């Protein structure tokens, strides 16, 4: 099946993300239910943080090869997108079978999540390539808004629906809904129609080896130090965000009775703010300069993490979650627009996968360290008048410390001027050498760093 002929550009992209948004809702419901199920089974911050480790480490290791394969399979982008959705459907069915057999354990859940992360690692670079294929450059910001709108809409609904459904149908019933969502997401991909040689005016050259593609991509990144600095800021910020994501659930649930409802409220506040940001971006053409928006977005995220650590009130946590979501929407849209403009089409999948690899490199570390640090080091020792004691006090102390350090480092990078030149102009062309490699060729007179 293909999309109707009148669906092109932003309309086709919106159709894709409408289906992906439904699939994301099922995924969000399952993630919420899995978090509560793990806490009920273990009451361990470490066990909760290992979910982040299981979903990031395998994808981090596979990222560069995944990106090179996406570039090589550019003509089959629809199949690459379907690979991630299809794998998630099969793994959801396997999880459902293990639950009905009474065989699901935390260790098996981690293994399933790790396997899923490898297959879904194909989805992000392929979706980015599809954006370049379907959208005009002046539609990148609106396209990112459509994507944010679809994902954040599921974020608004997932937590309250999860809190409503989990006590009634358990993890098995929630996973069954995830199966349905995966089917709809897969259907949206199968309906997708991509133009031939999308994103370029000339046919693509014959595929080269995966190692050659990686080398070409590394040469491109080496020629753009300001882009590398942008990515390093993202990577450091992701460490703070990763610790926050790993510890938010145990922080809220550690308050005792009513924790599921409070967790739903905090999650819904974040999802609602992201929904608002995505809706605005989907109808707005964006900013003339993206780098200041990137910095402002990360500032909001770090301030939200700081506020979460300083307060013990769930209402404040919800407001901070909304602030963080707005910051993520801002820096995510700006960052994606910069890289879409600057990256040549023929190495985009690999470059974007390398970006993902660098960005995710701190997430496994954040997940591996945060749980044991809270359980074994800080919780037995922390007794502070402002932050409290025990698990809650330890988590809040860690969030305050990391957010303050993050704000100081971000200010230092901005003051150094290393982000200047991250968006100097159109993407450079690649001159191919006889050996099949490529060098970056920029327009005369334009800065490359």
Protein backbone atom coordinates (compact mmCIF):
# COMPACT_ATOMS: atom_id res chain seq x y z
CA UNK A 1 0.00 0.00 0.00
CA UNK A 2 1.08 3.59 -0.61
CA UNK A 3 -0.08 6.97 0.52
CA UNK A 4 -2.59 8.76 -1.73
CA UNK A 5 -1.00 10.81 -4.48
CA UNK A 6 -2.07 14.15 -3.00
CA UNK A 7 -0.21 13.44 0.23
CA UNK A 8 3.26 14.93 -0.04
CA UNK A 9 5.67 16.76 2.19
CA UNK A 10 4.36 17.82 5.57
CA UNK A 11 1.02 15.98 5.12
CA UNK A 12 2.73 12.66 4.48
CA UNK A 13 5.08 13.30 7.40
CA UNK A 14 2.10 14.07 9.63
CA UNK A 15 0.42 10.79 8.57
CA UNK A 16 3.57 8.89 9.51
CA UNK A 17 3.78 10.48 12.94
CA UNK A 18 0.07 10.11 13.64
CA UNK A 19 0.57 6.35 13.55
CA UNK A 20 3.87 6.58 15.40
CA UNK A 21 2.16 8.67 18.07
CA UNK A 22 -0.37 5.90 18.71
CA UNK A 23 2.48 3.41 18.94
CA UNK A 24 4.27 5.75 21.33
CA UNK A 25 1.16 5.85 23.52
CA UNK A 26 1.25 2.07 23.83
CA UNK A 27 4.96 2.23 24.60
CA UNK A 28 4.38 4.90 27.22
CA UNK A 29 1.63 2.89 28.88
CA UNK A 30 3.91 -0.13 29.03
CA UNK A 31 6.86 1.88 30.36
CA UNK A 32 4.68 3.30 33.14
CA UNK A 33 3.32 -0.13 34.06
CA UNK A 34 6.80 -1.71 33.94
CA UNK A 35 8.16 0.97 36.29
CA UNK A 36 5.39 0.37 38.84
CA UNK A 37 5.69 -3.43 38.44
CA UNK A 38 9.46 -3.31 39.05
CA UNK A 39 9.05 -1.10 42.12
CA UNK A 40 6.38 -3.44 43.51
CA UNK A 41 8.68 -6.41 42.90
CA UNK A 42 11.92 -4.94 44.27
CA UNK A 43 11.45 -1.55 46.05
CA UNK A 44 14.97 -0.83 44.80
CA UNK A 45 16.23 2.38 43.16
CA UNK A 46 18.96 0.31 41.49
CA UNK A 47 16.41 -2.03 39.91
CA UNK A 48 14.50 0.95 38.55
CA UNK A 49 17.61 2.64 37.14
CA UNK A 50 18.66 -0.58 35.38
CA UNK A 51 15.73 -0.07 33.00
CA UNK A 52 17.53 2.97 31.60
CA UNK A 53 20.75 0.97 31.32
CA UNK A 54 19.01 -1.87 29.46
CA UNK A 55 17.39 0.51 26.97
CA UNK A 56 20.48 2.65 26.26
CA UNK A 57 23.64 0.53 26.38
CA UNK A 58 22.80 -1.89 23.52
CA UNK A 59 21.57 0.95 21.30
CA UNK A 60 24.72 2.92 22.10
CA UNK A 61 26.96 0.04 21.02
CA UNK A 62 25.00 -0.58 17.81
CA UNK A 63 24.57 3.09 16.81
CA UNK A 64 27.42 3.64 14.30
CA UNK A 65 26.74 0.42 12.37
CA UNK A 66 23.02 1.11 12.39
CA UNK A 67 23.59 4.55 10.87
CA UNK A 68 25.86 3.19 8.13
CA UNK A 69 23.25 0.55 7.26
CA UNK A 70 20.53 3.21 7.07
CA UNK A 71 22.67 5.16 4.59
CA UNK A 72 23.27 2.00 2.57
CA UNK A 73 19.59 1.06 2.59
CA UNK A 74 18.36 4.57 1.80
CA UNK A 75 16.14 3.32 -1.01
CA UNK A 76 14.41 1.01 1.50
CA UNK A 77 13.78 3.55 4.27
CA UNK A 78 10.23 2.29 4.68
CA UNK A 79 11.53 -1.21 5.41
CA UNK A 80 14.09 0.12 7.88
CA UNK A 81 11.37 2.03 9.74
CA UNK A 82 9.18 -1.06 9.72
CA UNK A 83 12.01 -3.10 11.24
CA UNK A 84 11.85 -1.18 14.51
CA UNK A 85 8.05 -1.21 14.77
CA UNK A 86 7.83 -4.87 13.78
CA UNK A 87 10.45 -5.91 16.33
CA UNK A 88 8.64 -4.02 19.08
CA UNK A 89 5.40 -5.78 18.14
CA UNK A 90 7.02 -9.22 18.37
CA UNK A 91 8.72 -8.44 21.69
CA UNK A 92 5.45 -7.12 23.16
CA UNK A 93 3.80 -10.41 22.20
CA UNK A 94 6.67 -12.31 23.84
CA UNK A 95 6.32 -10.25 27.02
CA UNK A 96 2.59 -10.99 27.05
CA UNK A 97 3.29 -14.71 26.70
CA UNK A 98 5.80 -14.71 29.57
CA UNK A 99 3.32 -12.87 31.79
CA UNK A 100 0.52 -15.34 31.12
CA UNK A 101 2.92 -18.21 31.81
CA UNK A 102 4.00 -16.60 35.08
CA UNK A 103 7.65 -16.60 33.94
CA UNK A 104 8.44 -12.89 33.68
CA UNK A 105 11.19 -11.75 36.06
CA UNK A 106 13.07 -8.44 36.35
CA UNK A 107 16.09 -10.06 34.66
CA UNK A 108 14.00 -11.26 31.71
CA UNK A 109 12.38 -7.84 31.44
CA UNK A 110 15.80 -6.20 31.18
CA UNK A 111 16.78 -8.69 28.46
CA UNK A 112 13.62 -7.95 26.47
CA UNK A 113 14.16 -4.21 26.76
CA UNK A 114 17.80 -4.56 25.65
CA UNK A 115 16.80 -6.59 22.59
CA UNK A 116 14.11 -4.09 21.69
CA UNK A 117 16.56 -1.20 21.94
CA UNK A 118 18.86 -2.76 19.31
CA UNK A 119 16.08 -3.07 16.74
CA UNK A 120 14.47 0.27 17.47
CA UNK A 121 17.91 1.91 17.13
CA UNK A 122 17.23 1.76 13.37
CA UNK A 123 14.16 3.92 13.79
CA UNK A 124 15.66 7.27 14.76
CA UNK A 125 18.24 7.71 11.94
CA UNK A 126 15.71 6.33 9.45
CA UNK A 127 13.03 8.75 10.67
CA UNK A 128 15.53 11.62 10.38
CA UNK A 129 16.35 10.54 6.81
CA UNK A 130 12.61 10.36 6.06
CA UNK A 131 12.26 13.96 7.29
CA UNK A 132 14.96 15.04 4.85
CA UNK A 133 13.24 13.02 2.10
CA UNK A 134 9.71 14.32 2.64
CA UNK A 135 10.22 17.90 3.84
CA UNK A 136 11.60 21.06 2.33
CA UNK A 137 14.31 22.85 4.36
CA UNK A 138 11.83 25.55 5.38
CA UNK A 139 9.55 22.81 6.77
CA UNK A 140 12.12 21.23 9.10
CA UNK A 141 10.99 23.16 12.17
CA UNK A 142 7.30 22.49 11.48
CA UNK A 143 8.10 18.84 10.82
CA UNK A 144 9.91 18.62 14.16
CA UNK A 145 6.84 20.23 15.72
CA UNK A 146 4.58 17.57 14.19
CA UNK A 147 6.87 14.87 15.54
CA UNK A 148 6.96 16.49 18.99
CA UNK A 149 3.17 16.92 18.90
CA UNK A 150 2.59 13.24 18.20
CA UNK A 151 5.05 12.03 20.82
CA UNK A 152 4.02 14.50 23.51
CA UNK A 153 0.31 13.78 22.99
CA UNK A 154 1.05 10.19 23.93
CA UNK A 155 3.08 11.48 26.87
CA UNK A 156 0.09 13.40 28.20
CA UNK A 157 -2.19 10.37 28.01
CA UNK A 158 0.20 7.55 28.91
CA UNK A 159 0.74 8.31 32.59
CA UNK A 160 -2.89 8.97 33.67
CA UNK A 161 -4.15 6.04 31.59
CA UNK A 162 -1.41 3.86 33.05
CA UNK A 163 -2.34 4.89 36.59
CA UNK A 164 -6.00 4.16 35.80
CA UNK A 165 -5.47 0.84 34.03
CA UNK A 166 -2.61 -0.80 35.95
CA UNK A 167 -4.56 -1.47 39.18
CA UNK A 168 -7.40 -2.98 37.11
CA UNK A 169 -5.73 -4.97 34.34
CA UNK A 170 -2.14 -5.30 35.55
CA UNK A 171 0.95 -5.33 33.40
CA UNK A 172 -0.53 -7.95 31.06
CA UNK A 173 -3.52 -5.82 30.11
CA UNK A 174 -1.33 -2.79 29.48
CA UNK A 175 1.06 -4.78 27.28
CA UNK A 176 -1.94 -6.04 25.27
CA UNK A 177 -2.77 -2.41 24.46
CA UNK A 178 0.87 -1.89 23.48
CA UNK A 179 0.47 -4.71 20.95
CA UNK A 180 -2.43 -2.84 19.34
CA UNK A 181 -0.44 0.40 19.29
CA UNK A 182 2.50 -1.35 17.63
CA UNK A 183 0.22 -2.67 14.89
CA UNK A 184 -1.05 0.86 14.16
CA UNK A 185 2.50 2.29 14.15
CA UNK A 186 3.63 -0.40 11.74
CA UNK A 187 0.65 0.36 9.50
CA UNK A 188 1.62 4.05 9.30
CA UNK A 189 5.05 3.04 8.03
CA UNK A 190 3.65 0.65 5.44
CA UNK A 191 1.44 3.49 4.13
CA UNK A 192 4.45 5.75 3.70
CA UNK A 193 5.58 6.70 0.21
CA UNK A 194 9.04 8.19 -0.26
CA UNK A 195 10.10 9.94 -3.49
CA UNK A 196 12.94 8.41 -5.50
CA UNK A 197 16.38 9.88 -4.70
CA UNK A 198 14.70 11.96 -2.02
CA UNK A 199 16.56 14.96 -0.74
CA UNK A 200 18.95 15.24 -3.68
CA UNK A 201 18.72 16.43 -7.27
CA UNK A 202 20.83 13.59 -8.63
CA UNK A 203 20.75 9.83 -8.18
CA UNK A 204 22.73 8.52 -5.26
CA UNK A 205 26.09 6.93 -5.96
CA UNK A 206 26.56 3.20 -5.63
CA UNK A 207 26.77 2.07 -2.00
CA UNK A 208 30.21 1.91 -0.44
CA UNK A 209 31.40 -0.25 2.42
CA UNK A 210 30.24 0.40 5.97
CA UNK A 211 33.76 1.30 7.11
CA UNK A 212 34.16 3.80 4.26
CA UNK A 213 30.87 5.41 5.21
CA UNK A 214 32.01 5.67 8.81
CA UNK A 215 35.33 7.22 7.77
CA UNK A 216 33.59 9.79 5.55
CA UNK A 217 31.24 10.71 8.37
CA UNK A 218 34.10 11.13 10.84
CA UNK A 219 35.91 13.40 8.37
CA UNK A 220 32.79 15.53 8.08
CA UNK A 221 32.49 15.84 11.86
CA UNK A 222 36.20 16.66 12.24
CA UNK A 223 35.74 19.55 9.80
CA UNK A 224 32.96 21.02 11.97
CA UNK A 225 34.36 21.66 15.50
CA UNK A 226 31.46 23.93 16.40
CA UNK A 227 29.02 21.11 15.63
CA UNK A 228 31.10 18.77 17.77
CA UNK A 229 30.93 21.28 20.62
CA UNK A 230 27.15 21.43 20.19
CA UNK A 231 27.04 17.64 20.44
CA UNK A 232 29.30 17.56 23.51
CA UNK A 233 26.99 20.03 25.28
CA UNK A 234 24.10 17.72 24.38
CA UNK A 235 26.00 14.70 25.69
CA UNK A 236 26.80 16.32 29.03
CA UNK A 237 23.24 17.55 29.42
CA UNK A 238 21.93 14.07 28.66
CA UNK A 239 23.88 12.76 31.66
CA UNK A 240 21.97 15.09 33.97
CA UNK A 241 18.70 14.32 32.20
CA UNK A 242 19.49 10.59 32.38
CA UNK A 243 19.99 10.72 36.14
CA UNK A 244 16.73 12.68 36.47
CA UNK A 245 14.83 10.17 34.33
CA UNK A 246 16.24 7.20 36.25
CA UNK A 247 15.45 8.66 39.68
CA UNK A 248 12.14 10.47 39.13
CA UNK A 249 9.99 7.34 39.44
CA UNK A 250 11.57 6.08 42.70
CA UNK A 251 11.54 9.66 44.05
CA UNK A 252 7.77 9.96 43.57
CA UNK A 253 6.94 6.38 44.57
CA UNK A 254 9.11 6.62 47.71
CA UNK A 255 6.47 8.94 49.22
CA UNK A 256 4.32 5.87 49.87
CA UNK A 257 0.54 5.62 49.49
CA UNK A 258 -0.81 7.30 46.36
CA UNK A 259 2.54 7.23 44.59
CA UNK A 260 1.06 5.96 41.33
CA UNK A 261 -1.36 8.87 41.12
CA UNK A 262 1.35 11.41 41.93
CA UNK A 263 3.65 9.84 39.32
CA UNK A 264 0.86 10.13 36.77
CA UNK A 265 0.36 13.82 37.63
CA UNK A 266 4.06 14.61 37.25
CA UNK A 267 4.29 12.70 33.97
CA UNK A 268 1.11 14.33 32.65
CA UNK A 269 2.45 17.81 33.43
CA UNK A 270 5.57 17.10 31.43
CA UNK A 271 3.60 15.59 28.58
CA UNK A 272 1.18 18.51 28.51
CA UNK A 273 4.00 21.04 28.24
CA UNK A 274 5.62 19.04 25.45
CA UNK A 275 2.25 18.83 23.69
CA UNK A 276 1.87 22.61 23.87
CA UNK A 277 5.38 23.15 22.53
CA UNK A 278 4.89 20.67 19.71
CA UNK A 279 1.55 22.22 18.73
CA UNK A 280 3.09 25.68 18.50
CA UNK A 281 6.06 24.47 16.47
CA UNK A 282 3.85 22.51 14.06
CA UNK A 283 2.25 25.75 12.83
CA UNK A 284 5.25 28.06 13.24
CA UNK A 285 8.21 28.29 10.90
CA UNK A 286 10.70 28.57 13.74
CA UNK A 287 13.59 30.88 14.59
CA UNK A 288 16.08 32.57 12.30
CA UNK A 289 18.93 31.36 14.53
CA UNK A 290 18.81 28.00 16.26
CA UNK A 291 21.88 28.04 18.54
CA UNK A 292 20.47 30.52 21.13
CA UNK A 293 17.29 28.41 21.29
CA UNK A 294 19.42 25.31 21.89
CA UNK A 295 21.18 27.01 24.83
CA UNK A 296 17.92 28.38 26.26
CA UNK A 297 16.32 24.94 26.04
CA UNK A 298 19.11 23.29 28.00
CA UNK A 299 18.97 26.08 30.58
CA UNK A 300 15.27 25.34 31.16
CA UNK A 301 16.00 21.61 31.52
CA UNK A 302 18.73 22.17 34.11
CA UNK A 303 16.60 24.66 36.05
CA UNK A 304 13.77 22.10 36.10
CA UNK A 305 16.09 19.42 37.49
CA UNK A 306 17.36 21.91 40.10
CA UNK A 307 13.81 22.78 41.15
CA UNK A 308 12.92 19.10 41.49
CA UNK A 309 15.85 18.58 43.83
CA UNK A 310 15.19 21.65 45.95
CA UNK A 311 11.51 20.85 46.60
CA UNK A 312 9.79 17.91 48.23
CA UNK A 313 6.31 18.83 46.95
CA UNK A 314 4.77 16.77 44.10
CA UNK A 315 3.11 19.93 42.77
CA UNK A 316 6.51 21.58 42.32
CA UNK A 317 7.85 18.40 40.73
CA UNK A 318 5.01 18.56 38.22
CA UNK A 319 5.79 22.22 37.40
CA UNK A 320 9.47 21.34 36.99
CA UNK A 321 8.56 18.42 34.72
CA UNK A 322 6.66 20.89 32.52
CA UNK A 323 9.67 23.22 32.47
CA UNK A 324 11.95 20.33 31.50
CA UNK A 325 9.57 19.24 28.73
CA UNK A 326 9.49 22.76 27.26
CA UNK A 327 13.27 22.86 27.38
CA UNK A 328 13.55 19.49 25.63
CA UNK A 329 11.15 20.66 22.92
CA UNK A 330 13.20 23.82 22.36
CA UNK A 331 16.69 22.32 22.29
CA UNK A 332 15.56 19.18 20.44
CA UNK A 333 13.92 21.12 17.62
CA UNK A 334 16.81 23.58 17.32
CA UNK A 335 19.45 20.86 17.39
CA UNK A 336 17.66 18.75 14.77
CA UNK A 337 17.20 21.73 12.45
CA UNK A 338 20.91 22.60 12.65
CA UNK A 339 22.05 19.08 11.81
CA UNK A 340 19.49 18.60 9.03
CA UNK A 341 20.75 21.80 7.39
CA UNK A 342 24.44 21.00 7.73
CA UNK A 343 24.70 17.25 7.03
CA UNK A 344 25.06 15.97 3.43
CA UNK A 345 22.28 13.57 2.46
CA UNK A 346 24.57 10.67 1.51
CA UNK A 347 26.08 10.35 5.01
CA UNK A 348 23.15 11.62 7.05
CA UNK A 349 22.18 8.25 8.52
CA UNK A 350 25.71 7.57 9.76
CA UNK A 351 26.28 11.09 11.10
CA UNK A 352 22.95 11.06 12.90
CA UNK A 353 23.70 7.63 14.35
CA UNK A 354 27.11 8.83 15.55
CA UNK A 355 25.34 11.82 17.11
CA UNK A 356 22.97 9.44 18.84
CA UNK A 357 25.89 7.30 19.98
CA UNK A 358 27.68 10.30 21.50
CA UNK A 359 24.50 11.62 23.04
CA UNK A 360 23.59 8.25 24.53
CA UNK A 361 27.12 7.52 25.76
CA UNK A 362 26.42 9.07 29.16
CA UNK A 363 22.95 7.55 29.62
CA UNK A 364 24.18 4.02 30.50
CA UNK A 365 26.68 5.61 32.89
CA UNK A 366 23.94 7.72 34.47
CA UNK A 367 21.71 4.67 34.90
CA UNK A 368 24.50 2.44 36.22
CA UNK A 369 25.74 4.97 38.77
CA UNK A 370 22.59 6.71 40.00
CA UNK A 371 20.82 3.72 41.57
CA UNK A 372 23.75 2.23 43.53
CA UNK A 373 24.94 5.72 44.51
CA UNK A 374 21.55 6.46 46.06
CA UNK A 375 20.91 3.02 47.60
CA UNK A 376 24.37 2.22 48.95
CA UNK A 377 26.17 5.53 49.49
CA UNK A 378 23.89 8.52 49.93
CA UNK A 379 20.64 7.16 51.42
CA UNK A 380 22.27 5.73 54.58
CA UNK A 381 24.21 8.98 55.16
CA UNK A 382 22.08 11.92 53.99
CA UNK A 383 20.23 13.83 56.72
CA UNK A 384 19.94 17.41 55.51
CA UNK A 385 17.43 19.92 56.91
CA UNK A 386 16.37 21.25 53.48
CA UNK A 387 16.54 18.07 51.37
CA UNK A 388 15.41 15.44 53.86
CA UNK A 389 16.86 12.01 54.58
CA UNK A 390 16.75 8.45 53.25
CA UNK A 391 16.00 7.66 49.61
CA UNK A 392 14.15 10.91 48.89
CA UNK A 393 16.85 13.11 50.42
CA UNK A 394 19.62 11.26 48.58
CA UNK A 395 17.90 11.63 45.22
CA UNK A 396 17.24 15.32 45.76
CA UNK A 397 20.86 15.98 46.78
CA UNK A 398 22.13 14.27 43.65
CA UNK A 399 19.77 16.25 41.39
CA UNK A 400 20.75 19.58 42.95
CA UNK A 401 24.47 18.86 42.64
CA UNK A 402 24.34 17.75 39.00
CA UNK A 403 22.05 20.58 37.83
CA UNK A 404 24.26 23.26 39.39
CA UNK A 405 27.36 21.75 37.77
CA UNK A 406 25.50 21.54 34.44
CA UNK A 407 24.50 25.21 34.55
CA UNK A 408 28.06 26.27 35.32
CA UNK A 409 29.50 24.18 32.46
CA UNK A 410 26.88 25.45 29.99
CA UNK A 411 27.67 29.05 30.93
CA UNK A 412 31.38 28.36 30.42
CA UNK A 413 30.86 26.90 26.95
CA UNK A 414 28.66 29.80 25.85
CA UNK A 415 31.14 32.35 27.15
CA UNK A 416 34.02 30.62 25.36
CA UNK A 417 32.34 31.20 21.98
CA UNK A 418 32.84 27.57 20.88
CA UNK A 419 29.26 27.33 19.61
CA UNK A 420 29.73 30.11 17.07
CA UNK A 421 29.56 28.85 13.52
CA UNK A 422 27.36 25.83 14.29
CA UNK A 423 24.88 27.04 11.66
CA UNK A 424 26.84 29.08 9.08
CA UNK A 425 24.87 28.12 5.98
CA UNK A 426 23.69 25.25 3.75
CA UNK A 427 25.11 21.75 4.05
CA UNK A 428 28.52 21.30 2.44
CA UNK A 429 28.87 19.05 -0.59
CA UNK A 430 31.07 15.99 -0.62
CA UNK A 431 33.76 15.62 -3.28
CA UNK A 432 34.39 11.95 -3.98
CA UNK A 433 37.95 10.79 -4.44
CA UNK A 434 38.80 7.95 -6.80
CA UNK A 435 39.07 5.54 -3.85
CA UNK A 436 35.36 6.06 -3.06
CA UNK A 437 36.03 8.21 0.00
CA UNK A 438 34.89 11.79 0.25
CA UNK A 439 36.10 15.16 1.42
CA UNK A 440 34.04 18.05 2.66
CA UNK A 441 33.71 20.90 0.14
CA UNK A 442 32.25 24.14 1.45
CA UNK A 443 31.05 27.18 -0.47
CA UNK A 444 33.89 29.74 -0.87
CA UNK A 445 33.77 32.47 1.71
CA UNK A 446 31.75 30.47 4.24
CA UNK A 447 33.09 29.49 7.62
CA UNK A 448 33.36 25.80 8.42
CA UNK A 449 33.78 26.03 12.15
